[in-house]
């Protein structure tokens, strides 16, 4: 049986990148999904960067298909986030990425995790979905009000 597989959205920076590095050090196969392109090629690593906008269902589906159906995924860590300077007018992008993207990611991961797989000759289905809201989901951050408001729904979700 091969190594466990994880899909990490927002895996090229911050908490997501730390998780990717940790899982890779444990010999996990890691699919890194991020809207930003990788800064450097991932050489000699089991993870492979996939550029995908996590708030678009089709792109999230591509990630789930790529990692889930062919190889069987064990964990989805939905760490994508969008923190920018406050805009001059209300911007819904943090909600699209942090809330809608999380819902789409959960929906697709749950679907593909329940599809029986015989990868490596062993029947398997199931997995884990981890949602990280960051401190912004619990504590108010006045200078990042949109970020805080878009992370709080994730607390209610789990």
C-alpha atoms as a PDB file:
ATOM      1  CA  UNK A   1       0.000   0.000   0.000  1.00  0.00           C
ATOM      2  CA  UNK A   2       1.316   3.441  -0.894  1.00  0.00           C
ATOM      3  CA  UNK A   3       1.747   6.431   1.365  1.00  0.00           C
ATOM      4  CA  UNK A   4      -1.332   8.324   2.596  1.00  0.00           C
ATOM      5  CA  UNK A   5      -2.481  11.220   0.428  1.00  0.00           C
ATOM      6  CA  UNK A   6      -3.501  14.719   1.526  1.00  0.00           C
ATOM      7  CA  UNK A   7      -4.959  17.614  -0.455  1.00  0.00           C
ATOM      8  CA  UNK A   8      -3.911  20.951   1.058  1.00  0.00           C
ATOM      9  CA  UNK A   9      -5.580  24.084  -0.293  1.00  0.00           C
ATOM     10  CA  UNK A  10      -3.645  27.267   0.342  1.00  0.00           C
ATOM     11  CA  UNK A  11      -0.550  25.103   0.670  1.00  0.00           C
ATOM     12  CA  UNK A  12       2.011  27.483  -0.799  1.00  0.00           C
ATOM     13  CA  UNK A  13       2.115  29.927   2.110  1.00  0.00           C
ATOM     14  CA  UNK A  14       1.464  30.347   5.814  1.00  0.00           C
ATOM     15  CA  UNK A  15      -0.118  27.555   7.840  1.00  0.00           C
ATOM     16  CA  UNK A  16      -0.826  25.561   4.682  1.00  0.00           C
ATOM     17  CA  UNK A  17       2.821  25.548   3.642  1.00  0.00           C
ATOM     18  CA  UNK A  18       3.905  24.506   7.141  1.00  0.00           C
ATOM     19  CA  UNK A  19       1.442  21.608   6.994  1.00  0.00           C
ATOM     20  CA  UNK A  20       2.658  20.572   3.527  1.00  0.00           C
ATOM     21  CA  UNK A  21       6.273  20.529   4.733  1.00  0.00           C
ATOM     22  CA  UNK A  22       5.282  18.498   7.812  1.00  0.00           C
ATOM     23  CA  UNK A  23       3.322  15.916   5.813  1.00  0.00           C
ATOM     24  CA  UNK A  24       6.112  15.615   3.242  1.00  0.00           C
ATOM     25  CA  UNK A  25       8.592  15.000   6.089  1.00  0.00           C
ATOM     26  CA  UNK A  26       6.335  12.096   7.143  1.00  0.00           C
ATOM     27  CA  UNK A  27       6.466  10.717   3.560  1.00  0.00           C
ATOM     28  CA  UNK A  28       2.868  11.618   2.720  1.00  0.00           C
ATOM     29  CA  UNK A  29       1.846  12.181  -0.893  1.00  0.00           C
ATOM     30  CA  UNK A  30       0.632  15.800  -0.852  1.00  0.00           C
ATOM     31  CA  UNK A  31      -1.364  17.568  -3.548  1.00  0.00           C
ATOM     32  CA  UNK A  32      -0.853  21.298  -3.048  1.00  0.00           C
ATOM     33  CA  UNK A  33      -3.675  23.453  -4.415  1.00  0.00           C
ATOM     34  CA  UNK A  34      -3.189  27.187  -4.415  1.00  0.00           C
ATOM     35  CA  UNK A  35      -4.403  30.075  -6.530  1.00  0.00           C
ATOM     36  CA  UNK A  36      -0.821  31.384  -6.576  1.00  0.00           C
ATOM     37  CA  UNK A  37       1.815  29.716  -8.766  1.00  0.00           C
ATOM     38  CA  UNK A  38       4.650  27.913  -6.978  1.00  0.00           C
ATOM     39  CA  UNK A  39       7.735  30.062  -6.365  1.00  0.00           C
ATOM     40  CA  UNK A  40      10.087  27.247  -7.330  1.00  0.00           C
ATOM     41  CA  UNK A  41       9.742  23.752  -8.761  1.00  0.00           C
ATOM     42  CA  UNK A  42       9.058  21.019  -6.211  1.00  0.00           C
ATOM     43  CA  UNK A  43      11.988  18.715  -6.796  1.00  0.00           C
ATOM     44  CA  UNK A  44      12.414  15.463  -4.876  1.00  0.00           C
ATOM     45  CA  UNK A  45       9.144  15.935  -3.038  1.00  0.00           C
ATOM     46  CA  UNK A  46       6.083  13.703  -3.143  1.00  0.00           C
ATOM     47  CA  UNK A  47       3.812  16.766  -3.229  1.00  0.00           C
ATOM     48  CA  UNK A  48       2.907  18.324  -6.543  1.00  0.00           C
ATOM     49  CA  UNK A  49       1.643  21.873  -6.848  1.00  0.00           C
ATOM     50  CA  UNK A  50      -1.662  22.352  -8.622  1.00  0.00           C
ATOM     51  CA  UNK A  51      -2.686  25.907  -9.448  1.00  0.00           C
ATOM     52  CA  UNK A  52      -6.414  26.127  -8.800  1.00  0.00           C
ATOM     53  CA  UNK A  53      -8.881  28.746  -7.628  1.00  0.00           C
ATOM     54  CA  UNK A  54     -10.519  27.098  -4.636  1.00  0.00           C
ATOM     55  CA  UNK A  55     -13.703  29.167  -4.893  1.00  0.00           C
ATOM     56  CA  UNK A  56     -14.577  27.740  -8.313  1.00  0.00           C
ATOM     57  CA  UNK A  57     -16.281  24.369  -8.147  1.00  0.00           C
ATOM     58  CA  UNK A  58     -14.750  23.123 -11.398  1.00  0.00           C
ATOM     59  CA  UNK A  59     -11.191  23.856 -10.226  1.00  0.00           C
ATOM     60  CA  UNK A  60     -11.778  22.235  -6.835  1.00  0.00           C
ATOM     61  CA  UNK A  61     -13.252  19.280  -8.692  1.00  0.00           C
ATOM     62  CA  UNK A  62     -10.082  19.022 -10.743  1.00  0.00           C
ATOM     63  CA  UNK A  63      -8.005  18.816  -7.588  1.00  0.00           C
ATOM     64  CA  UNK A  64     -10.290  16.199  -6.031  1.00  0.00           C
ATOM     65  CA  UNK A  65     -10.368  14.169  -9.242  1.00  0.00           C
ATOM     66  CA  UNK A  66      -6.630  14.363  -9.654  1.00  0.00           C
ATOM     67  CA  UNK A  67      -5.825  13.230  -6.127  1.00  0.00           C
ATOM     68  CA  UNK A  68      -8.941  11.404  -4.998  1.00  0.00           C
ATOM     69  CA  UNK A  69     -10.209   9.130  -7.716  1.00  0.00           C
ATOM     70  CA  UNK A  70      -6.919   7.863  -9.104  1.00  0.00           C
ATOM     71  CA  UNK A  71      -4.995   7.543  -5.869  1.00  0.00           C
ATOM     72  CA  UNK A  72      -7.433   7.636  -2.948  1.00  0.00           C
ATOM     73  CA  UNK A  73      -7.144  10.656  -0.695  1.00  0.00           C
ATOM     74  CA  UNK A  74      -6.966  10.313   3.057  1.00  0.00           C
ATOM     75  CA  UNK A  75      -7.125  13.958   4.186  1.00  0.00           C
ATOM     76  CA  UNK A  76      -8.410  17.269   2.838  1.00  0.00           C
ATOM     77  CA  UNK A  77      -6.953  20.251   4.712  1.00  0.00           C
ATOM     78  CA  UNK A  78      -8.859  23.311   3.556  1.00  0.00           C
ATOM     79  CA  UNK A  79      -6.495  26.138   4.483  1.00  0.00           C
ATOM     80  CA  UNK A  80      -7.151  28.544   1.640  1.00  0.00           C
ATOM     81  CA  UNK A  81      -7.525  32.118   2.697  1.00  0.00           C
ATOM     82  CA  UNK A  82      -7.542  35.559   1.174  1.00  0.00           C
ATOM     83  CA  UNK A  83      -6.191  38.387   3.301  1.00  0.00           C
ATOM     84  CA  UNK A  84      -5.646  41.687   1.525  1.00  0.00           C
ATOM     85  CA  UNK A  85      -5.605  45.314   2.486  1.00  0.00           C
ATOM     86  CA  UNK A  86      -9.048  46.760   3.107  1.00  0.00           C
ATOM     87  CA  UNK A  87     -10.591  47.723  -0.259  1.00  0.00           C
ATOM     88  CA  UNK A  88     -12.233  51.055  -1.010  1.00  0.00           C
ATOM     89  CA  UNK A  89     -15.585  49.301  -1.440  1.00  0.00           C
ATOM     90  CA  UNK A  90     -16.838  46.015   0.025  1.00  0.00           C
ATOM     91  CA  UNK A  91     -15.097  43.069  -1.539  1.00  0.00           C
ATOM     92  CA  UNK A  92     -16.735  39.652  -1.351  1.00  0.00           C
ATOM     93  CA  UNK A  93     -13.644  37.724  -2.419  1.00  0.00           C
ATOM     94  CA  UNK A  94     -12.701  36.692   1.152  1.00  0.00           C
ATOM     95  CA  UNK A  95     -16.162  35.112   1.488  1.00  0.00           C
ATOM     96  CA  UNK A  96     -15.908  33.422  -1.917  1.00  0.00           C
ATOM     97  CA  UNK A  97     -12.535  31.909  -1.028  1.00  0.00           C
ATOM     98  CA  UNK A  98     -12.927  31.247   2.699  1.00  0.00           C
ATOM     99  CA  UNK A  99     -16.600  30.195   2.878  1.00  0.00           C
ATOM    100  CA  UNK A 100     -17.776  29.158  -0.595  1.00  0.00           C
ATOM    101  CA  UNK A 101     -14.421  27.567  -1.407  1.00  0.00           C
ATOM    102  CA  UNK A 102     -14.526  25.565   1.823  1.00  0.00           C
ATOM    103  CA  UNK A 103     -18.057  24.328   1.088  1.00  0.00           C
ATOM    104  CA  UNK A 104     -17.112  23.263  -2.446  1.00  0.00           C
ATOM    105  CA  UNK A 105     -13.941  21.586  -1.209  1.00  0.00           C
ATOM    106  CA  UNK A 106     -15.843  19.672   1.481  1.00  0.00           C
ATOM    107  CA  UNK A 107     -18.574  18.659  -0.963  1.00  0.00           C
ATOM    108  CA  UNK A 108     -16.123  17.305  -3.512  1.00  0.00           C
ATOM    109  CA  UNK A 109     -13.740  15.682  -1.037  1.00  0.00           C
ATOM    110  CA  UNK A 110     -16.619  13.906   0.728  1.00  0.00           C
ATOM    111  CA  UNK A 111     -17.847  12.603  -2.615  1.00  0.00           C
ATOM    112  CA  UNK A 112     -14.471  11.281  -3.749  1.00  0.00           C
ATOM    113  CA  UNK A 113     -13.594   9.912  -0.311  1.00  0.00           C
ATOM    114  CA  UNK A 114     -16.696   7.723  -0.432  1.00  0.00           C
ATOM    115  CA  UNK A 115     -15.883   6.306  -3.871  1.00  0.00           C
ATOM    116  CA  UNK A 116     -14.348   2.872  -3.269  1.00  0.00           C
ATOM    117  CA  UNK A 117     -10.748   2.683  -4.491  1.00  0.00           C
ATOM    118  CA  UNK A 118      -8.517  -0.296  -5.078  1.00  0.00           C
ATOM    119  CA  UNK A 119      -5.303   1.711  -5.438  1.00  0.00           C
ATOM    120  CA  UNK A 120      -2.357  -0.479  -4.448  1.00  0.00           C
ATOM    121  CA  UNK A 121      -4.690  -3.495  -4.513  1.00  0.00           C
ATOM    122  CA  UNK A 122      -6.406  -2.703  -1.218  1.00  0.00           C
ATOM    123  CA  UNK A 123     -10.106  -1.762  -1.124  1.00  0.00           C
ATOM    124  CA  UNK A 124     -10.514   1.530   0.667  1.00  0.00           C
ATOM    125  CA  UNK A 125     -12.969   4.355   1.120  1.00  0.00           C
ATOM    126  CA  UNK A 126     -13.295   7.187   3.583  1.00  0.00           C
ATOM    127  CA  UNK A 127     -10.895   9.800   4.872  1.00  0.00           C
ATOM    128  CA  UNK A 128     -10.717  12.959   6.937  1.00  0.00           C
ATOM    129  CA  UNK A 129     -11.621  16.559   6.147  1.00  0.00           C
ATOM    130  CA  UNK A 130      -9.905  19.227   8.232  1.00  0.00           C
ATOM    131  CA  UNK A 131     -11.071  22.834   8.160  1.00  0.00           C
ATOM    132  CA  UNK A 132      -8.796  25.479   9.674  1.00  0.00           C
ATOM    133  CA  UNK A 133     -10.411  28.816  10.443  1.00  0.00           C
ATOM    134  CA  UNK A 134      -7.348  30.441  12.059  1.00  0.00           C
ATOM    135  CA  UNK A 135      -7.629  32.761  15.026  1.00  0.00           C
ATOM    136  CA  UNK A 136      -9.736  35.029  12.824  1.00  0.00           C
ATOM    137  CA  UNK A 137     -12.614  32.602  13.185  1.00  0.00           C
ATOM    138  CA  UNK A 138     -12.642  33.025  16.961  1.00  0.00           C
ATOM    139  CA  UNK A 139     -11.118  36.400  17.806  1.00  0.00           C
ATOM    140  CA  UNK A 140     -12.034  39.749  16.247  1.00  0.00           C
ATOM    141  CA  UNK A 141      -9.319  41.385  14.180  1.00  0.00           C
ATOM    142  CA  UNK A 142     -10.508  44.973  13.626  1.00  0.00           C
ATOM    143  CA  UNK A 143      -8.099  45.735  10.797  1.00  0.00           C
ATOM    144  CA  UNK A 144      -9.121  42.511   9.009  1.00  0.00           C
ATOM    145  CA  UNK A 145     -12.881  42.590   9.557  1.00  0.00           C
ATOM    146  CA  UNK A 146     -13.710  40.859   6.259  1.00  0.00           C
ATOM    147  CA  UNK A 147     -11.195  38.103   6.943  1.00  0.00           C
ATOM    148  CA  UNK A 148     -12.580  37.567  10.457  1.00  0.00           C
ATOM    149  CA  UNK A 149     -16.180  37.566   9.216  1.00  0.00           C
ATOM    150  CA  UNK A 150     -15.315  35.063   6.473  1.00  0.00           C
ATOM    151  CA  UNK A 151     -13.522  32.683   8.859  1.00  0.00           C
ATOM    152  CA  UNK A 152     -16.209  32.609  11.582  1.00  0.00           C
ATOM    153  CA  UNK A 153     -18.680  30.533   9.470  1.00  0.00           C
ATOM    154  CA  UNK A 154     -16.084  27.757   9.375  1.00  0.00           C
ATOM    155  CA  UNK A 155     -16.314  27.472  13.170  1.00  0.00           C
ATOM    156  CA  UNK A 156     -20.064  26.927  12.830  1.00  0.00           C
ATOM    157  CA  UNK A 157     -19.529  24.410  10.050  1.00  0.00           C
ATOM    158  CA  UNK A 158     -17.398  22.075  12.111  1.00  0.00           C
END
